[in-house]
Amino acid sequence: EKISHIEFREKLYRLKEKKRVYLITATHDWC
């Protein structure tokens, strides 16, 4: 869901202020 991705990315940006963050996506991420 786009809204779920948008909310999650906001959390990632806050974490990225202190740590490097690397992710991969998977099938649930494009429904």
PDB file of all heavy atoms in Angstrom:
ATOM      1  N   GLU A   1       0.840  -1.195   0.000  1.00  0.00           N
ATOM      2  CA  GLU A   1       0.000   0.000   0.000  1.00  0.00           C
ATOM      3  C   GLU A   1       0.881   1.254   0.000  1.00  0.00           C
ATOM      4  O   GLU A   1       1.806   1.355   0.808  1.00  0.00           O
ATOM      5  CB  GLU A   1      -0.910   0.017   1.238  1.00  0.00           C
ATOM      6  CG  GLU A   1      -1.663  -1.275   1.485  1.00  0.00           C
ATOM      7  CD  GLU A   1      -0.956  -2.195   2.465  1.00  0.00           C
ATOM      8  OE1 GLU A   1       0.244  -1.985   2.723  1.00  0.00           O
ATOM      9  OE2 GLU A   1      -1.622  -3.123   2.961  1.00  0.00           O
ATOM     10  N   LYS A   2       0.566   2.199  -0.846  1.00  0.00           N
ATOM     11  CA  LYS A   2       1.402   3.395  -0.960  1.00  0.00           C
ATOM     12  C   LYS A   2       1.473   4.149   0.360  1.00  0.00           C
ATOM     13  O   LYS A   2       2.544   4.624   0.759  1.00  0.00           O
ATOM     14  CB  LYS A   2       0.874   4.314  -2.061  1.00  0.00           C
ATOM     15  CG  LYS A   2       1.808   5.471  -2.372  1.00  0.00           C
ATOM     16  CD  LYS A   2       1.378   6.228  -3.618  1.00  0.00           C
ATOM     17  CE  LYS A   2       2.405   7.306  -3.975  1.00  0.00           C
ATOM     18  NZ  LYS A   2       2.029   8.016  -5.231  1.00  0.00           N
ATOM     19  N   ILE A   3       0.337   4.264   1.062  1.00  0.00           N
ATOM     20  CA  ILE A   3       0.334   4.995   2.317  1.00  0.00           C
ATOM     21  C   ILE A   3       1.212   4.295   3.356  1.00  0.00           C
ATOM     22  O   ILE A   3       1.902   4.949   4.151  1.00  0.00           O
ATOM     23  CB  ILE A   3      -1.114   5.185   2.852  1.00  0.00           C
ATOM     24  CG1 ILE A   3      -1.121   6.016   4.138  1.00  0.00           C
ATOM     25  CG2 ILE A   3      -1.792   3.856   3.073  1.00  0.00           C
ATOM     26  CD1 ILE A   3      -0.556   7.411   3.984  1.00  0.00           C
ATOM     27  N   SER A   4       1.234   2.961   3.346  1.00  0.00           N
ATOM     28  CA  SER A   4       2.104   2.230   4.276  1.00  0.00           C
ATOM     29  C   SER A   4       3.563   2.495   3.954  1.00  0.00           C
ATOM     30  O   SER A   4       4.391   2.683   4.858  1.00  0.00           O
ATOM     31  CB  SER A   4       1.809   0.724   4.208  1.00  0.00           C
ATOM     32  OG  SER A   4       0.490   0.443   4.632  1.00  0.00           O
ATOM     33  N   HIS A   5       3.905   2.522   2.659  1.00  0.00           N
ATOM     34  CA  HIS A   5       5.275   2.829   2.245  1.00  0.00           C
ATOM     35  C   HIS A   5       5.671   4.252   2.641  1.00  0.00           C
ATOM     36  O   HIS A   5       6.794   4.475   3.121  1.00  0.00           O
ATOM     37  CB  HIS A   5       5.411   2.685   0.731  1.00  0.00           C
ATOM     38  CG  HIS A   5       5.646   1.282   0.271  1.00  0.00           C
ATOM     39  ND1 HIS A   5       6.766   0.565   0.623  1.00  0.00           N
ATOM     40  CD2 HIS A   5       4.911   0.468  -0.532  1.00  0.00           C
ATOM     41  CE1 HIS A   5       6.715  -0.627   0.055  1.00  0.00           C
ATOM     42  NE2 HIS A   5       5.591  -0.722  -0.642  1.00  0.00           N
ATOM     43  N   ILE A   6       4.772   5.192   2.444  1.00  0.00           N
ATOM     44  CA  ILE A   6       5.081   6.593   2.764  1.00  0.00           C
ATOM     45  C   ILE A   6       5.361   6.736   4.263  1.00  0.00           C
ATOM     46  O   ILE A   6       6.344   7.373   4.669  1.00  0.00           O
ATOM     47  CB  ILE A   6       3.927   7.513   2.331  1.00  0.00           C
ATOM     48  CG1 ILE A   6       3.870   7.599   0.798  1.00  0.00           C
ATOM     49  CG2 ILE A   6       4.084   8.913   2.937  1.00  0.00           C
ATOM     50  CD1 ILE A   6       2.635   8.307   0.263  1.00  0.00           C
ATOM     51  N   GLU A   7       4.524   6.138   5.076  1.00  0.00           N
ATOM     52  CA  GLU A   7       4.716   6.222   6.531  1.00  0.00           C
ATOM     53  C   GLU A   7       6.013   5.526   6.951  1.00  0.00           C
ATOM     54  O   GLU A   7       6.743   6.027   7.808  1.00  0.00           O
ATOM     55  CB  GLU A   7       3.521   5.590   7.248  1.00  0.00           C
ATOM     56  CG  GLU A   7       2.242   6.395   7.122  1.00  0.00           C
ATOM     57  CD  GLU A   7       1.047   5.727   7.789  1.00  0.00           C
ATOM     58  OE1 GLU A   7       1.220   4.634   8.376  1.00  0.00           O
ATOM     59  OE2 GLU A   7      -0.060   6.308   7.740  1.00  0.00           O
ATOM     60  N   PHE A   8       6.295   4.373   6.332  1.00  0.00           N
ATOM     61  CA  PHE A   8       7.510   3.638   6.695  1.00  0.00           C
ATOM     62  C   PHE A   8       8.755   4.421   6.295  1.00  0.00           C
ATOM     63  O   PHE A   8       9.739   4.482   7.045  1.00  0.00           O
ATOM     64  CB  PHE A   8       7.511   2.253   6.041  1.00  0.00           C
ATOM     65  CG  PHE A   8       8.700   1.417   6.424  1.00  0.00           C
ATOM     66  CD1 PHE A   8       8.831   0.914   7.702  1.00  0.00           C
ATOM     67  CD2 PHE A   8       9.699   1.153   5.507  1.00  0.00           C
ATOM     68  CE1 PHE A   8       9.929   0.145   8.072  1.00  0.00           C
ATOM     69  CE2 PHE A   8      10.805   0.382   5.854  1.00  0.00           C
ATOM     70  CZ  PHE A   8      10.919  -0.118   7.145  1.00  0.00           C
ATOM     71  N   ARG A   9       8.726   5.043   5.114  1.00  0.00           N
ATOM     72  CA  ARG A   9       9.899   5.800   4.669  1.00  0.00           C
ATOM     73  C   ARG A   9      10.174   6.981   5.592  1.00  0.00           C
ATOM     74  O   ARG A   9      11.338   7.334   5.832  1.00  0.00           O
ATOM     75  CB  ARG A   9       9.705   6.271   3.229  1.00  0.00           C
ATOM     76  CG  ARG A   9      10.978   6.892   2.631  1.00  0.00           C
ATOM     77  CD  ARG A   9      10.812   7.201   1.157  1.00  0.00           C
ATOM     78  NE  ARG A   9       9.775   8.194   0.913  1.00  0.00           N
ATOM     79  CZ  ARG A   9       9.509   8.719  -0.282  1.00  0.00           C
ATOM     80  NH1 ARG A   9      10.205   8.326  -1.350  1.00  0.00           N
ATOM     81  NH2 ARG A   9       8.537   9.610  -0.438  1.00  0.00           N
ATOM     82  N   GLU A  10       9.142   7.584   6.134  1.00  0.00           N
ATOM     83  CA  GLU A  10       9.346   8.670   7.094  1.00  0.00           C
ATOM     84  C   GLU A  10      10.104   8.171   8.327  1.00  0.00           C
ATOM     85  O   GLU A  10      10.987   8.859   8.859  1.00  0.00           O
ATOM     86  CB  GLU A  10       7.988   9.253   7.510  1.00  0.00           C
ATOM     87  CG  GLU A  10       7.285  10.036   6.399  1.00  0.00           C
ATOM     88  CD  GLU A  10       5.870  10.456   6.779  1.00  0.00           C
ATOM     89  OE1 GLU A  10       5.412  10.054   7.882  1.00  0.00           O
ATOM     90  OE2 GLU A  10       5.226  11.162   5.988  1.00  0.00           O
ATOM     91  N   LYS A  11       9.776   6.965   8.762  1.00  0.00           N
ATOM     92  CA  LYS A  11      10.476   6.372   9.901  1.00  0.00           C
ATOM     93  C   LYS A  11      11.941   6.098   9.538  1.00  0.00           C
ATOM     94  O   LYS A  11      12.846   6.279  10.365  1.00  0.00           O
ATOM     95  CB  LYS A  11       9.784   5.081  10.329  1.00  0.00           C
ATOM     96  CG  LYS A  11       8.333   5.251  10.783  1.00  0.00           C
ATOM     97  CD  LYS A  11       7.680   3.920  11.100  1.00  0.00           C
ATOM     98  CE  LYS A  11       6.184   4.048  11.338  1.00  0.00           C
ATOM     99  NZ  LYS A  11       5.863   4.919  12.484  1.00  0.00           N
ATOM    100  N   LEU A  12      12.164   5.635   8.306  1.00  0.00           N
ATOM    101  CA  LEU A  12      13.526   5.372   7.847  1.00  0.00           C
ATOM    102  C   LEU A  12      14.370   6.639   7.838  1.00  0.00           C
ATOM    103  O   LEU A  12      15.545   6.612   8.242  1.00  0.00           O
ATOM    104  CB  LEU A  12      13.508   4.768   6.445  1.00  0.00           C
ATOM    105  CG  LEU A  12      12.981   3.346   6.292  1.00  0.00           C
ATOM    106  CD1 LEU A  12      12.931   2.963   4.817  1.00  0.00           C
ATOM    107  CD2 LEU A  12      13.847   2.351   7.060  1.00  0.00           C
ATOM    108  N   TYR A  13      13.796   7.739   7.387  1.00  0.00           N
ATOM    109  CA  TYR A  13      14.555   8.990   7.349  1.00  0.00           C
ATOM    110  C   TYR A  13      14.957   9.446   8.750  1.00  0.00           C
ATOM    111  O   TYR A  13      16.057   9.969   8.957  1.00  0.00           O
ATOM    112  CB  TYR A  13      13.758  10.088   6.638  1.00  0.00           C
ATOM    113  CG  TYR A  13      13.917  10.061   5.135  1.00  0.00           C
ATOM    114  CD1 TYR A  13      12.822   9.897   4.302  1.00  0.00           C
ATOM    115  CD2 TYR A  13      15.179  10.207   4.549  1.00  0.00           C
ATOM    116  CE1 TYR A  13      12.967   9.870   2.920  1.00  0.00           C
ATOM    117  CE2 TYR A  13      15.334  10.187   3.159  1.00  0.00           C
ATOM    118  CZ  TYR A  13      14.222  10.010   2.357  1.00  0.00           C
ATOM    119  OH  TYR A  13      14.380   9.980   0.988  1.00  0.00           O
ATOM    120  N   ARG A  14      14.080   9.216   9.732  1.00  0.00           N
ATOM    121  CA  ARG A  14      14.435   9.577  11.106  1.00  0.00           C
ATOM    122  C   ARG A  14      15.574   8.683  11.609  1.00  0.00           C
ATOM    123  O   ARG A  14      16.501   9.165  12.276  1.00  0.00           O
ATOM    124  CB  ARG A  14      13.209   9.454  12.019  1.00  0.00           C
ATOM    125  CG  ARG A  14      12.147  10.511  11.775  1.00  0.00           C
ATOM    126  CD  ARG A  14      11.165  10.604  12.930  1.00  0.00           C
ATOM    127  NE  ARG A  14      10.342   9.412  13.054  1.00  0.00           N
ATOM    128  CZ  ARG A  14       9.184   9.237  12.418  1.00  0.00           C
ATOM    129  NH1 ARG A  14       8.731  10.168  11.586  1.00  0.00           N
ATOM    130  NH2 ARG A  14       8.482   8.135  12.601  1.00  0.00           N
ATOM    131  N   LEU A  15      15.524   7.397  11.290  1.00  0.00           N
ATOM    132  CA  LEU A  15      16.607   6.494  11.685  1.00  0.00           C
ATOM    133  C   LEU A  15      17.906   6.862  10.980  1.00  0.00           C
ATOM    134  O   LEU A  15      18.993   6.790  11.572  1.00  0.00           O
ATOM    135  CB  LEU A  15      16.213   5.046  11.366  1.00  0.00           C
ATOM    136  CG  LEU A  15      17.245   3.957  11.674  1.00  0.00           C
ATOM    137  CD1 LEU A  15      17.609   3.958  13.164  1.00  0.00           C
ATOM    138  CD2 LEU A  15      16.724   2.584  11.258  1.00  0.00           C
ATOM    139  N   LYS A  16      17.795   7.281   9.730  1.00  0.00           N
ATOM    140  CA  LYS A  16      18.969   7.602   8.921  1.00  0.00           C
ATOM    141  C   LYS A  16      19.718   8.827   9.451  1.00  0.00           C
ATOM    142  O   LYS A  16      20.890   9.048   9.120  1.00  0.00           O
ATOM    143  CB  LYS A  16      18.560   7.825   7.464  1.00  0.00           C
ATOM    144  CG  LYS A  16      19.712   7.805   6.449  1.00  0.00           C
ATOM    145  CD  LYS A  16      19.141   7.845   5.030  1.00  0.00           C
ATOM    146  CE  LYS A  16      20.251   7.620   4.007  1.00  0.00           C
ATOM    147  NZ  LYS A  16      21.133   8.772   3.862  1.00  0.00           N
ATOM    148  N   GLU A  17      19.070   9.612  10.285  1.00  0.00           N
ATOM    149  CA  GLU A  17      19.756  10.748  10.895  1.00  0.00           C
ATOM    150  C   GLU A  17      20.895  10.285  11.803  1.00  0.00           C
ATOM    151  O   GLU A  17      21.851  11.025  12.052  1.00  0.00           O
ATOM    152  CB  GLU A  17      18.753  11.586  11.699  1.00  0.00           C
ATOM    153  CG  GLU A  17      17.731  12.319  10.823  1.00  0.00           C
ATOM    154  CD  GLU A  17      16.683  13.035  11.647  1.00  0.00           C
ATOM    155  OE1 GLU A  17      16.799  13.003  12.910  1.00  0.00           O
ATOM    156  OE2 GLU A  17      15.749  13.617  11.071  1.00  0.00           O
ATOM    157  N   LYS A  18      20.810   9.035  12.294  1.00  0.00           N
ATOM    158  CA  LYS A  18      21.845   8.514  13.197  1.00  0.00           C
ATOM    159  C   LYS A  18      22.593   7.314  12.639  1.00  0.00           C
ATOM    160  O   LYS A  18      23.725   7.054  13.043  1.00  0.00           O
ATOM    161  CB  LYS A  18      21.207   8.142  14.542  1.00  0.00           C
ATOM    162  CG  LYS A  18      20.694   9.341  15.336  1.00  0.00           C
ATOM    163  CD  LYS A  18      20.300   8.930  16.749  1.00  0.00           C
ATOM    164  CE  LYS A  18      19.910  10.144  17.585  1.00  0.00           C
ATOM    165  NZ  LYS A  18      19.552   9.768  18.978  1.00  0.00           N
ATOM    166  N   LYS A  19      21.954   6.554  11.752  1.00  0.00           N
ATOM    167  CA  LYS A  19      22.584   5.332  11.237  1.00  0.00           C
ATOM    168  C   LYS A  19      22.411   5.233   9.719  1.00  0.00           C
ATOM    169  O   LYS A  19      21.417   5.696   9.170  1.00  0.00           O
ATOM    170  CB  LYS A  19      21.943   4.075  11.873  1.00  0.00           C
ATOM    171  CG  LYS A  19      21.974   4.041  13.382  1.00  0.00           C
ATOM    172  CD  LYS A  19      23.398   3.913  13.924  1.00  0.00           C
ATOM    173  CE  LYS A  19      23.393   3.911  15.450  1.00  0.00           C
ATOM    174  NZ  LYS A  19      24.764   3.857  16.026  1.00  0.00           N
ATOM    175  N   ARG A  20      23.381   4.598   9.082  1.00  0.00           N
ATOM    176  CA  ARG A  20      23.196   4.253   7.674  1.00  0.00           C
ATOM    177  C   ARG A  20      22.171   3.123   7.590  1.00  0.00           C
ATOM    178  O   ARG A  20      22.202   2.201   8.406  1.00  0.00           O
ATOM    179  CB  ARG A  20      24.511   3.813   7.045  1.00  0.00           C
ATOM    180  CG  ARG A  20      25.510   4.950   6.824  1.00  0.00           C
ATOM    181  CD  ARG A  20      26.792   4.416   6.228  1.00  0.00           C
ATOM    182  NE  ARG A  20      27.550   3.632   7.208  1.00  0.00           N
ATOM    183  CZ  ARG A  20      28.454   2.717   6.896  1.00  0.00           C
ATOM    184  NH1 ARG A  20      28.704   2.432   5.630  1.00  0.00           N
ATOM    185  NH2 ARG A  20      29.107   2.068   7.842  1.00  0.00           N
ATOM    186  N   VAL A  21      21.297   3.201   6.616  1.00  0.00           N
ATOM    187  CA  VAL A  21      20.227   2.212   6.487  1.00  0.00           C
ATOM    188  C   VAL A  21      20.202   1.682   5.057  1.00  0.00           C
ATOM    189  O   VAL A  21      20.177   2.452   4.095  1.00  0.00           O
ATOM    190  CB  VAL A  21      18.853   2.819   6.825  1.00  0.00           C
ATOM    191  CG1 VAL A  21      17.765   1.743   6.744  1.00  0.00           C
ATOM    192  CG2 VAL A  21      18.855   3.470   8.196  1.00  0.00           C
ATOM    193  N   TYR A  22      20.186   0.346   4.936  1.00  0.00           N
ATOM    194  CA  TYR A  22      20.138  -0.306   3.621  1.00  0.00           C
ATOM    195  C   TYR A  22      19.039  -1.352   3.635  1.00  0.00           C
ATOM    196  O   TYR A  22      18.954  -2.173   4.551  1.00  0.00           O
ATOM    197  CB  TYR A  22      21.488  -0.962   3.304  1.00  0.00           C
ATOM    198  CG  TYR A  22      22.634   0.022   3.344  1.00  0.00           C
ATOM    199  CD1 TYR A  22      23.577  -0.034   4.373  1.00  0.00           C
ATOM    200  CD2 TYR A  22      22.747   1.019   2.384  1.00  0.00           C
ATOM    201  CE1 TYR A  22      24.626   0.878   4.418  1.00  0.00           C
ATOM    202  CE2 TYR A  22      23.781   1.939   2.433  1.00  0.00           C
ATOM    203  CZ  TYR A  22      24.719   1.864   3.442  1.00  0.00           C
ATOM    204  OH  TYR A  22      25.747   2.785   3.494  1.00  0.00           O
ATOM    205  N   LEU A  23      18.201  -1.310   2.622  1.00  0.00           N
ATOM    206  CA  LEU A  23      17.114  -2.283   2.580  1.00  0.00           C
ATOM    207  C   LEU A  23      16.955  -2.889   1.200  1.00  0.00           C
ATOM    208  O   LEU A  23      17.429  -2.343   0.199  1.00  0.00           O
ATOM    209  CB  LEU A  23      15.795  -1.662   3.052  1.00  0.00           C
ATOM    210  CG  LEU A  23      15.132  -0.530   2.235  1.00  0.00           C
ATOM    211  CD1 LEU A  23      14.413  -1.048   0.997  1.00  0.00           C
ATOM    212  CD2 LEU A  23      14.137   0.224   3.106  1.00  0.00           C
ATOM    213  N   ILE A  24      16.300  -4.036   1.184  1.00  0.00           N
ATOM    214  CA  ILE A  24      15.801  -4.605  -0.058  1.00  0.00           C
ATOM    215  C   ILE A  24      14.286  -4.699   0.075  1.00  0.00           C
ATOM    216  O   ILE A  24      13.754  -4.741   1.183  1.00  0.00           O
ATOM    217  CB  ILE A  24      16.383  -6.004  -0.339  1.00  0.00           C
ATOM    218  CG1 ILE A  24      16.189  -6.928   0.865  1.00  0.00           C
ATOM    219  CG2 ILE A  24      17.845  -5.922  -0.741  1.00  0.00           C
ATOM    220  CD1 ILE A  24      16.542  -8.373   0.607  1.00  0.00           C
ATOM    221  N   THR A  25      13.614  -4.704  -1.040  1.00  0.00           N
ATOM    222  CA  THR A  25      12.168  -4.898  -1.037  1.00  0.00           C
ATOM    223  C   THR A  25      11.866  -6.338  -1.438  1.00  0.00           C
ATOM    224  O   THR A  25      12.736  -7.064  -1.910  1.00  0.00           O
ATOM    225  CB  THR A  25      11.485  -3.921  -2.003  1.00  0.00           C
ATOM    226  OG1 THR A  25      12.043  -4.078  -3.320  1.00  0.00           O
ATOM    227  CG2 THR A  25      11.676  -2.484  -1.530  1.00  0.00           C
ATOM    228  N   ALA A  26      10.604  -6.739  -1.233  1.00  0.00           N
ATOM    229  CA  ALA A  26      10.198  -8.095  -1.590  1.00  0.00           C
ATOM    230  C   ALA A  26       8.746  -8.061  -2.067  1.00  0.00           C
ATOM    231  O   ALA A  26       8.148  -7.000  -2.235  1.00  0.00           O
ATOM    232  CB  ALA A  26      10.378  -9.032  -0.398  1.00  0.00           C
ATOM    233  N   THR A  27       8.179  -9.225  -2.276  1.00  0.00           N
ATOM    234  CA  THR A  27       6.882  -9.298  -2.963  1.00  0.00           C
ATOM    235  C   THR A  27       5.755  -8.570  -2.236  1.00  0.00           C
ATOM    236  O   THR A  27       4.849  -8.036  -2.885  1.00  0.00           O
ATOM    237  CB  THR A  27       6.483 -10.773  -3.167  1.00  0.00           C
ATOM    238  OG1 THR A  27       6.619 -11.485  -1.930  1.00  0.00           O
ATOM    239  CG2 THR A  27       7.392 -11.432  -4.198  1.00  0.00           C
ATOM    240  N   HIS A  28       5.777  -8.528  -0.906  1.00  0.00           N
ATOM    241  CA  HIS A  28       4.732  -7.791  -0.193  1.00  0.00           C
ATOM    242  C   HIS A  28       4.819  -6.291  -0.457  1.00  0.00           C
ATOM    243  O   HIS A  28       3.840  -5.571  -0.226  1.00  0.00           O
ATOM    244  CB  HIS A  28       4.839  -8.054   1.315  1.00  0.00           C
ATOM    245  CG  HIS A  28       4.008  -9.205   1.768  1.00  0.00           C
ATOM    246  ND1 HIS A  28       2.693  -9.083   2.156  1.00  0.00           N
ATOM    247  CD2 HIS A  28       4.292 -10.519   1.880  1.00  0.00           C
ATOM    248  CE1 HIS A  28       2.215 -10.264   2.497  1.00  0.00           C
ATOM    249  NE2 HIS A  28       3.169 -11.160   2.339  1.00  0.00           N
ATOM    250  N   ASP A  29       5.944  -5.842  -0.947  1.00  0.00           N
ATOM    251  CA  ASP A  29       6.127  -4.401  -1.143  1.00  0.00           C
ATOM    252  C   ASP A  29       5.557  -3.894  -2.456  1.00  0.00           C
ATOM    253  O   ASP A  29       5.493  -2.688  -2.684  1.00  0.00           O
ATOM    254  CB  ASP A  29       7.615  -4.059  -1.028  1.00  0.00           C
ATOM    255  CG  ASP A  29       8.158  -4.388   0.348  1.00  0.00           C
ATOM    256  OD1 ASP A  29       7.425  -4.127   1.330  1.00  0.00           O
ATOM    257  OD2 ASP A  29       9.272  -4.928   0.457  1.00  0.00           O
ATOM    258  N   TRP A  30       5.158  -4.808  -3.326  1.00  0.00           N
ATOM    259  CA  TRP A  30       4.455  -4.376  -4.543  1.00  0.00           C
ATOM    260  C   TRP A  30       3.172  -5.179  -4.745  1.00  0.00           C
ATOM    261  O   TRP A  30       2.641  -5.278  -5.852  1.00  0.00           O
ATOM    262  CB  TRP A  30       5.359  -4.439  -5.771  1.00  0.00           C
ATOM    263  CG  TRP A  30       6.115  -5.723  -5.985  1.00  0.00           C
ATOM    264  CD1 TRP A  30       7.297  -6.079  -5.411  1.00  0.00           C
ATOM    265  CD2 TRP A  30       5.770  -6.801  -6.856  1.00  0.00           C
ATOM    266  NE1 TRP A  30       7.702  -7.315  -5.849  1.00  0.00           N
ATOM    267  CE2 TRP A  30       6.786  -7.778  -6.762  1.00  0.00           C
ATOM    268  CE3 TRP A  30       4.712  -7.037  -7.732  1.00  0.00           C
ATOM    269  CZ2 TRP A  30       6.761  -8.973  -7.481  1.00  0.00           C
ATOM    270  CZ3 TRP A  30       4.686  -8.216  -8.459  1.00  0.00           C
ATOM    271  CH2 TRP A  30       5.704  -9.168  -8.329  1.00  0.00           C
ATOM    272  N   CYS A  31       2.668  -5.745  -3.632  1.00  0.00           N
ATOM    273  CA  CYS A  31       1.371  -6.423  -3.648  1.00  0.00           C
ATOM    274  C   CYS A  31       1.284  -7.410  -4.799  1.00  0.00           C
ATOM    275  O   CYS A  31       0.438  -7.298  -5.690  1.00  0.00           O
ATOM    276  CB  CYS A  31       0.237  -5.400  -3.750  1.00  0.00           C
ATOM    277  SG  CYS A  31      -1.394  -6.065  -3.363  1.00  0.00           S
TER     278      CYS A  31
END
